[in-house]
C-alpha atoms as a PDB file:
ATOM      1  CA  UNK A   1      96.050  85.275 112.937  1.00  0.00           C
ATOM      2  CA  UNK A   2      97.886  86.338 116.133  1.00  0.00           C
ATOM      3  CA  UNK A   3      99.468  83.868 118.459  1.00  0.00           C
ATOM      4  CA  UNK A   4      96.921  82.328 120.838  1.00  0.00           C
ATOM      5  CA  UNK A   5      97.819  82.109 124.490  1.00  0.00           C
ATOM      6  CA  UNK A   6      97.026  79.220 126.674  1.00  0.00           C
ATOM      7  CA  UNK A   7      94.724  79.462 129.741  1.00  0.00           C
ATOM      8  CA  UNK A   8      93.630  83.042 128.900  1.00  0.00           C
ATOM      9  CA  UNK A   9      90.408  84.183 127.303  1.00  0.00           C
ATOM     10  CA  UNK A  10      89.221  87.721 127.275  1.00  0.00           C
ATOM     11  CA  UNK A  11      85.794  88.925 126.009  1.00  0.00           C
ATOM     12  CA  UNK A  12      85.384  92.703 125.774  1.00  0.00           C
ATOM     13  CA  UNK A  13      81.528  93.060 125.197  1.00  0.00           C
ATOM     14  CA  UNK A  14      79.732  96.357 124.573  1.00  0.00           C
ATOM     15  CA  UNK A  15      76.062  96.507 125.539  1.00  0.00           C
ATOM     16  CA  UNK A  16      73.593  97.273 122.908  1.00  0.00           C
ATOM     17  CA  UNK A  17      72.178 100.758 122.228  1.00  0.00           C
ATOM     18  CA  UNK A  18      73.900 103.840 123.403  1.00  0.00           C
ATOM     19  CA  UNK A  19      75.075 102.694 126.761  1.00  0.00           C
ATOM     20  CA  UNK A  20      78.765 103.224 127.222  1.00  0.00           C
ATOM     21  CA  UNK A  21      79.253 100.605 129.983  1.00  0.00           C
ATOM     22  CA  UNK A  22      80.976  97.392 128.847  1.00  0.00           C
ATOM     23  CA  UNK A  23      81.891  93.999 130.619  1.00  0.00           C
ATOM     24  CA  UNK A  24      85.287  92.617 130.579  1.00  0.00           C
ATOM     25  CA  UNK A  25      85.508  88.883 131.208  1.00  0.00           C
ATOM     26  CA  UNK A  26      88.974  87.336 132.078  1.00  0.00           C
ATOM     27  CA  UNK A  27      90.012  83.816 132.880  1.00  0.00           C
ATOM     28  CA  UNK A  28      92.367  84.326 135.775  1.00  0.00           C
ATOM     29  CA  UNK A  29      94.636  81.494 136.639  1.00  0.00           C
ATOM     30  CA  UNK A  30      97.021  80.394 139.444  1.00  0.00           C
ATOM     31  CA  UNK A  31      99.812  78.056 138.601  1.00  0.00           C
ATOM     32  CA  UNK A  32     100.997  75.748 141.395  1.00  0.00           C
ATOM     33  CA  UNK A  33     103.500  72.959 141.940  1.00  0.00           C
ATOM     34  CA  UNK A  34     103.099  70.337 144.653  1.00  0.00           C
ATOM     35  CA  UNK A  35     105.942  68.088 146.021  1.00  0.00           C
ATOM     36  CA  UNK A  36     105.161  64.370 146.257  1.00  0.00           C
ATOM     37  CA  UNK A  37     104.433  62.809 149.690  1.00  0.00           C
ATOM     38  CA  UNK A  38     105.825  59.330 148.946  1.00  0.00           C
ATOM     39  CA  UNK A  39     107.896  57.378 146.521  1.00  0.00           C
ATOM     40  CA  UNK A  40     105.969  54.301 145.432  1.00  0.00           C
ATOM     41  CA  UNK A  41     107.358  50.936 144.271  1.00  0.00           C
ATOM     42  CA  UNK A  42     104.849  48.676 142.638  1.00  0.00           C
ATOM     43  CA  UNK A  43     105.496  45.043 143.727  1.00  0.00           C
ATOM     44  CA  UNK A  44     104.285  41.809 142.225  1.00  0.00           C
ATOM     45  CA  UNK A  45     103.927  38.817 144.754  1.00  0.00           C
ATOM     46  CA  UNK A  46     103.686  35.594 142.780  1.00  0.00           C
ATOM     47  CA  UNK A  47     102.623  32.322 144.297  1.00  0.00           C
ATOM     48  CA  UNK A  48     103.506  29.873 141.423  1.00  0.00           C
ATOM     49  CA  UNK A  49     107.247  30.621 141.237  1.00  0.00           C
ATOM     50  CA  UNK A  50     108.946  27.377 140.969  1.00  0.00           C
ATOM     51  CA  UNK A  51     110.801  28.277 137.840  1.00  0.00           C
ATOM     52  CA  UNK A  52     111.138  31.975 137.612  1.00  0.00           C
ATOM     53  CA  UNK A  53     111.734  32.493 141.416  1.00  0.00           C
ATOM     54  CA  UNK A  54     112.619  29.546 143.769  1.00  0.00           C
ATOM     55  CA  UNK A  55     113.036  32.016 146.778  1.00  0.00           C
ATOM     56  CA  UNK A  56     109.153  32.043 147.053  1.00  0.00           C
ATOM     57  CA  UNK A  57     108.568  28.486 146.149  1.00  0.00           C
ATOM     58  CA  UNK A  58     105.677  26.832 147.968  1.00  0.00           C
ATOM     59  CA  UNK A  59     104.892  30.124 150.006  1.00  0.00           C
ATOM     60  CA  UNK A  60     101.402  31.682 149.703  1.00  0.00           C
ATOM     61  CA  UNK A  61     101.158  35.241 148.801  1.00  0.00           C
ATOM     62  CA  UNK A  62     100.081  36.080 152.339  1.00  0.00           C
ATOM     63  CA  UNK A  63     103.096  34.423 153.747  1.00  0.00           C
ATOM     64  CA  UNK A  64     105.385  36.356 151.433  1.00  0.00           C
ATOM     65  CA  UNK A  65     103.757  39.737 152.225  1.00  0.00           C
ATOM     66  CA  UNK A  66     104.197  39.037 156.022  1.00  0.00           C
ATOM     67  CA  UNK A  67     107.841  38.140 155.581  1.00  0.00           C
ATOM     68  CA  UNK A  68     108.341  41.252 153.426  1.00  0.00           C
ATOM     69  CA  UNK A  69     106.748  43.369 156.175  1.00  0.00           C
ATOM     70  CA  UNK A  70     109.049  41.858 158.683  1.00  0.00           C
ATOM     71  CA  UNK A  71     112.125  42.519 156.761  1.00  0.00           C
ATOM     72  CA  UNK A  72     111.290  46.103 156.328  1.00  0.00           C
ATOM     73  CA  UNK A  73     110.603  46.544 159.989  1.00  0.00           C
ATOM     74  CA  UNK A  74     113.861  44.829 160.900  1.00  0.00           C
ATOM     75  CA  UNK A  75     115.746  47.552 158.925  1.00  0.00           C
ATOM     76  CA  UNK A  76     113.533  50.176 160.637  1.00  0.00           C
ATOM     77  CA  UNK A  77     112.359  51.570 157.365  1.00  0.00           C
ATOM     78  CA  UNK A  78     109.193  53.678 157.422  1.00  0.00           C
ATOM     79  CA  UNK A  79     106.571  52.341 154.919  1.00  0.00           C
ATOM     80  CA  UNK A  80     103.069  51.512 154.022  1.00  0.00           C
ATOM     81  CA  UNK A  81     102.307  48.281 152.040  1.00  0.00           C
ATOM     82  CA  UNK A  82      98.898  48.464 150.387  1.00  0.00           C
ATOM     83  CA  UNK A  83      97.187  45.943 148.167  1.00  0.00           C
ATOM     84  CA  UNK A  84      96.474  47.421 144.782  1.00  0.00           C
ATOM     85  CA  UNK A  85      93.495  46.262 142.711  1.00  0.00           C
ATOM     86  CA  UNK A  86      94.559  45.079 139.215  1.00  0.00           C
ATOM     87  CA  UNK A  87      93.313  43.183 136.140  1.00  0.00           C
ATOM     88  CA  UNK A  88      95.339  40.132 136.980  1.00  0.00           C
ATOM     89  CA  UNK A  89      93.333  37.198 135.790  1.00  0.00           C
ATOM     90  CA  UNK A  90      94.202  34.893 138.775  1.00  0.00           C
ATOM     91  CA  UNK A  91      94.644  36.937 141.957  1.00  0.00           C
ATOM     92  CA  UNK A  92      95.418  33.858 143.878  1.00  0.00           C
ATOM     93  CA  UNK A  93      98.591  33.285 141.995  1.00  0.00           C
ATOM     94  CA  UNK A  94      99.761  36.983 141.660  1.00  0.00           C
ATOM     95  CA  UNK A  95      98.919  40.168 143.517  1.00  0.00           C
ATOM     96  CA  UNK A  96     100.185  43.690 143.271  1.00  0.00           C
ATOM     97  CA  UNK A  97     101.047  45.785 146.348  1.00  0.00           C
ATOM     98  CA  UNK A  98     102.226  49.463 146.563  1.00  0.00           C
ATOM     99  CA  UNK A  99     105.142  49.991 148.922  1.00  0.00           C
ATOM    100  CA  UNK A 100     104.985  53.666 149.898  1.00  0.00           C
ATOM    101  CA  UNK A 101     108.257  55.042 151.421  1.00  0.00           C
ATOM    102  CA  UNK A 102     109.418  58.532 152.299  1.00  0.00           C
ATOM    103  CA  UNK A 103     111.239  60.610 149.532  1.00  0.00           C
ATOM    104  CA  UNK A 104     114.459  60.247 151.509  1.00  0.00           C
ATOM    105  CA  UNK A 105     114.246  56.472 152.167  1.00  0.00           C
ATOM    106  CA  UNK A 106     117.341  54.386 151.483  1.00  0.00           C
ATOM    107  CA  UNK A 107     116.717  53.111 148.014  1.00  0.00           C
ATOM    108  CA  UNK A 108     119.640  50.666 148.146  1.00  0.00           C
ATOM    109  CA  UNK A 109     118.442  48.983 151.321  1.00  0.00           C
ATOM    110  CA  UNK A 110     114.846  48.747 149.900  1.00  0.00           C
ATOM    111  CA  UNK A 111     115.936  47.240 146.668  1.00  0.00           C
ATOM    112  CA  UNK A 112     118.153  44.830 148.571  1.00  0.00           C
ATOM    113  CA  UNK A 113     115.127  43.644 150.610  1.00  0.00           C
ATOM    114  CA  UNK A 114     112.953  43.279 147.479  1.00  0.00           C
ATOM    115  CA  UNK A 115     115.706  41.154 145.743  1.00  0.00           C
ATOM    116  CA  UNK A 116     116.257  38.925 148.753  1.00  0.00           C
ATOM    117  CA  UNK A 117     112.580  38.313 149.097  1.00  0.00           C
ATOM    118  CA  UNK A 118     112.060  37.210 145.665  1.00  0.00           C
ATOM    119  CA  UNK A 119     109.578  40.015 144.897  1.00  0.00           C
ATOM    120  CA  UNK A 120     109.216  41.487 141.424  1.00  0.00           C
ATOM    121  CA  UNK A 121     109.684  45.231 141.194  1.00  0.00           C
ATOM    122  CA  UNK A 122     107.182  46.396 138.491  1.00  0.00           C
ATOM    123  CA  UNK A 123     107.881  50.170 138.359  1.00  0.00           C
ATOM    124  CA  UNK A 124     108.543  53.177 140.670  1.00  0.00           C
ATOM    125  CA  UNK A 125     106.393  56.352 140.745  1.00  0.00           C
ATOM    126  CA  UNK A 126     105.186  59.063 143.236  1.00  0.00           C
ATOM    127  CA  UNK A 127     102.092  59.777 145.158  1.00  0.00           C
ATOM    128  CA  UNK A 128     100.646  63.191 146.176  1.00  0.00           C
ATOM    129  CA  UNK A 129      98.381  64.299 149.039  1.00  0.00           C
ATOM    130  CA  UNK A 130      94.625  64.348 148.298  1.00  0.00           C
ATOM    131  CA  UNK A 131      93.177  67.733 147.424  1.00  0.00           C
ATOM    132  CA  UNK A 132      91.718  69.689 150.321  1.00  0.00           C
ATOM    133  CA  UNK A 133      89.217  72.494 150.526  1.00  0.00           C
ATOM    134  CA  UNK A 134      91.719  74.937 152.066  1.00  0.00           C
ATOM    135  CA  UNK A 135      94.174  74.433 149.345  1.00  0.00           C
ATOM    136  CA  UNK A 136      91.452  74.923 146.673  1.00  0.00           C
ATOM    137  CA  UNK A 137      90.386  78.180 148.355  1.00  0.00           C
ATOM    138  CA  UNK A 138      93.990  79.407 148.215  1.00  0.00           C
ATOM    139  CA  UNK A 139      94.320  78.600 144.574  1.00  0.00           C
ATOM    140  CA  UNK A 140      91.057  80.327 143.768  1.00  0.00           C
ATOM    141  CA  UNK A 141      92.134  83.605 145.678  1.00  0.00           C
ATOM    142  CA  UNK A 142      95.372  83.564 143.674  1.00  0.00           C
ATOM    143  CA  UNK A 143      93.399  83.093 140.477  1.00  0.00           C
ATOM    144  CA  UNK A 144      91.080  85.999 141.432  1.00  0.00           C
ATOM    145  CA  UNK A 145      94.077  88.168 142.126  1.00  0.00           C
ATOM    146  CA  UNK A 146      95.672  87.165 138.765  1.00  0.00           C
ATOM    147  CA  UNK A 147      92.418  88.119 137.056  1.00  0.00           C
ATOM    148  CA  UNK A 148      92.251  91.416 138.752  1.00  0.00           C
ATOM    149  CA  UNK A 149      95.799  92.211 137.816  1.00  0.00           C
ATOM    150  CA  UNK A 150      95.134  91.543 134.170  1.00  0.00           C
ATOM    151  CA  UNK A 151      91.863  93.361 134.165  1.00  0.00           C
ATOM    152  CA  UNK A 152      93.508  96.498 135.484  1.00  0.00           C
ATOM    153  CA  UNK A 153      96.271  96.449 132.927  1.00  0.00           C
ATOM    154  CA  UNK A 154      94.036  95.788 130.091  1.00  0.00           C
ATOM    155  CA  UNK A 155      91.478  98.389 131.037  1.00  0.00           C
ATOM    156  CA  UNK A 156      94.263 100.887 131.333  1.00  0.00           C
ATOM    157  CA  UNK A 157      95.334 100.093 127.789  1.00  0.00           C
ATOM    158  CA  UNK A 158      91.668 100.442 126.577  1.00  0.00           C
ATOM    159  CA  UNK A 159      91.317 103.799 128.448  1.00  0.00           C
ATOM    160  CA  UNK A 160      88.635 102.313 130.697  1.00  0.00           C
ATOM    161  CA  UNK A 161      88.316 101.967 134.527  1.00  0.00           C
ATOM    162  CA  UNK A 162      87.152  99.005 136.555  1.00  0.00           C
ATOM    163  CA  UNK A 163      83.759  99.580 138.314  1.00  0.00           C
ATOM    164  CA  UNK A 164      83.010  96.387 140.034  1.00  0.00           C
ATOM    165  CA  UNK A 165      82.999  92.557 139.730  1.00  0.00           C
ATOM    166  CA  UNK A 166      79.851  91.359 138.189  1.00  0.00           C
ATOM    167  CA  UNK A 167      80.301  87.664 138.573  1.00  0.00           C
ATOM    168  CA  UNK A 168      82.816  84.979 139.457  1.00  0.00           C
ATOM    169  CA  UNK A 169      82.424  81.417 137.933  1.00  0.00           C
ATOM    170  CA  UNK A 170      84.812  78.383 138.473  1.00  0.00           C
ATOM    171  CA  UNK A 171      83.190  76.470 135.591  1.00  0.00           C
ATOM    172  CA  UNK A 172      85.939  76.788 133.061  1.00  0.00           C
ATOM    173  CA  UNK A 173      85.160  73.660 131.028  1.00  0.00           C
ATOM    174  CA  UNK A 174      84.647  75.742 127.863  1.00  0.00           C
ATOM    175  CA  UNK A 175      87.609  77.815 128.229  1.00  0.00           C
ATOM    176  CA  UNK A 176      89.365  78.076 124.992  1.00  0.00           C
ATOM    177  CA  UNK A 177      92.875  79.273 123.964  1.00  0.00           C
ATOM    178  CA  UNK A 178      91.734  82.479 122.210  1.00  0.00           C
ATOM    179  CA  UNK A 179      91.747  86.121 122.575  1.00  0.00           C
ATOM    180  CA  UNK A 180      88.734  87.925 121.205  1.00  0.00           C
ATOM    181  CA  UNK A 181      86.819  91.206 121.175  1.00  0.00           C
ATOM    182  CA  UNK A 182      83.152  91.072 120.446  1.00  0.00           C
ATOM    183  CA  UNK A 183      80.648  93.725 119.452  1.00  0.00           C
ATOM    184  CA  UNK A 184      83.078  96.633 118.891  1.00  0.00           C
ATOM    185  CA  UNK A 185      85.302  97.963 116.069  1.00  0.00           C
ATOM    186  CA  UNK A 186      86.837 100.930 117.785  1.00  0.00           C
ATOM    187  CA  UNK A 187      90.054  99.135 118.763  1.00  0.00           C
ATOM    188  CA  UNK A 188      93.048  99.703 116.383  1.00  0.00           C
ATOM    189  CA  UNK A 189      95.820  97.296 115.579  1.00  0.00           C
ATOM    190  CA  UNK A 190      98.284  99.108 117.784  1.00  0.00           C
ATOM    191  CA  UNK A 191      96.198  98.605 120.956  1.00  0.00           C
ATOM    192  CA  UNK A 192      95.471  94.989 120.098  1.00  0.00           C
ATOM    193  CA  UNK A 193      99.147  94.315 119.557  1.00  0.00           C
ATOM    194  CA  UNK A 194     100.008  95.950 122.932  1.00  0.00           C
ATOM    195  CA  UNK A 195      97.528  93.639 124.659  1.00  0.00           C
ATOM    196  CA  UNK A 196      98.939  90.638 123.042  1.00  0.00           C
ATOM    197  CA  UNK A 197     102.421  91.770 124.235  1.00  0.00           C
ATOM    198  CA  UNK A 198     100.974  92.256 127.737  1.00  0.00           C
ATOM    199  CA  UNK A 199      99.413  88.807 127.888  1.00  0.00           C
ATOM    200  CA  UNK A 200     102.627  87.169 126.977  1.00  0.00           C
ATOM    201  CA  UNK A 201     104.385  88.879 129.959  1.00  0.00           C
ATOM    202  CA  UNK A 202     101.531  88.231 132.407  1.00  0.00           C
ATOM    203  CA  UNK A 203     101.535  84.503 131.552  1.00  0.00           C
ATOM    204  CA  UNK A 204     105.138  83.816 132.050  1.00  0.00           C
ATOM    205  CA  UNK A 205     106.114  81.617 135.033  1.00  0.00           C
ATOM    206  CA  UNK A 206     108.918  79.302 136.064  1.00  0.00           C
ATOM    207  CA  UNK A 207     108.039  76.211 138.094  1.00  0.00           C
ATOM    208  CA  UNK A 208     110.484  73.602 139.535  1.00  0.00           C
ATOM    209  CA  UNK A 209     109.572  70.264 137.888  1.00  0.00           C
ATOM    210  CA  UNK A 210     111.685  68.082 140.262  1.00  0.00           C
ATOM    211  CA  UNK A 211     109.394  65.631 142.065  1.00  0.00           C
ATOM    212  CA  UNK A 212     106.433  67.996 141.644  1.00  0.00           C
ATOM    213  CA  UNK A 213     103.020  67.886 140.215  1.00  0.00           C
ATOM    214  CA  UNK A 214     102.278  71.005 138.209  1.00  0.00           C
ATOM    215  CA  UNK A 215      98.841  72.427 137.432  1.00  0.00           C
ATOM    216  CA  UNK A 216      96.749  75.559 136.851  1.00  0.00           C
ATOM    217  CA  UNK A 217      93.591  76.674 138.659  1.00  0.00           C
ATOM    218  CA  UNK A 218      91.193  78.653 136.517  1.00  0.00           C
ATOM    219  CA  UNK A 219      88.519  81.202 137.542  1.00  0.00           C
ATOM    220  CA  UNK A 220      86.209  83.148 135.277  1.00  0.00           C
ATOM    221  CA  UNK A 221      85.735  86.779 136.445  1.00  0.00           C
ATOM    222  CA  UNK A 222      83.573  89.281 134.787  1.00  0.00           C
ATOM    223  CA  UNK A 223      83.963  93.082 135.519  1.00  0.00           C
ATOM    224  CA  UNK A 224      81.861  96.033 134.739  1.00  0.00           C
ATOM    225  CA  UNK A 225      83.982  98.823 133.224  1.00  0.00           C
ATOM    226  CA  UNK A 226      83.545 102.440 131.682  1.00  0.00           C
ATOM    227  CA  UNK A 227      85.556 104.896 129.646  1.00  0.00           C
ATOM    228  CA  UNK A 228      87.603 107.245 131.438  1.00  0.00           C
END
């Protein structure tokens, strides 16, 4: 069994009877990376802190949050402090807040304010912008172009030509990591090996992983083709 390639599936289907037309179905994809918008510090504000944190003793969570906001404003730090719903059993005694700051915010100064306020830093992570229709359209166009490039190269190897696009479908929930020809026995091992080699080159990509979210947009495209 040949090596299977991720995010690419090709069906080469000959129609029944004596018709020489065929369809070539290709899963085009566009790889993308998005830079985070914010660095997020998940904070735990506790009311009952007589033992573990005397700095916040006898202060309600609301008072602690207001003081924390004031301390950040005094240092002129750009931020958003948002309450985060959690599975804490007693929300009156402990609440989680997300502190959203710019990527270039002064980490030392922020940690200093957190420590002096007696707030518990739970973890740090990143947030990205919400998906937009415009960005989704751009990814779909790139996936279509990717599919067209693959179709042209593969049709050339098979000695076929592309006639037209039959259908475009963005429902790729059933996409599998396989390469398969159906309904024909006239492809020799040399041609199949050439196509596998081609797919390996077409799917190569380098993406910067630093503070980015990496993904792939998939799009089914079916072409009508005929022998040259």
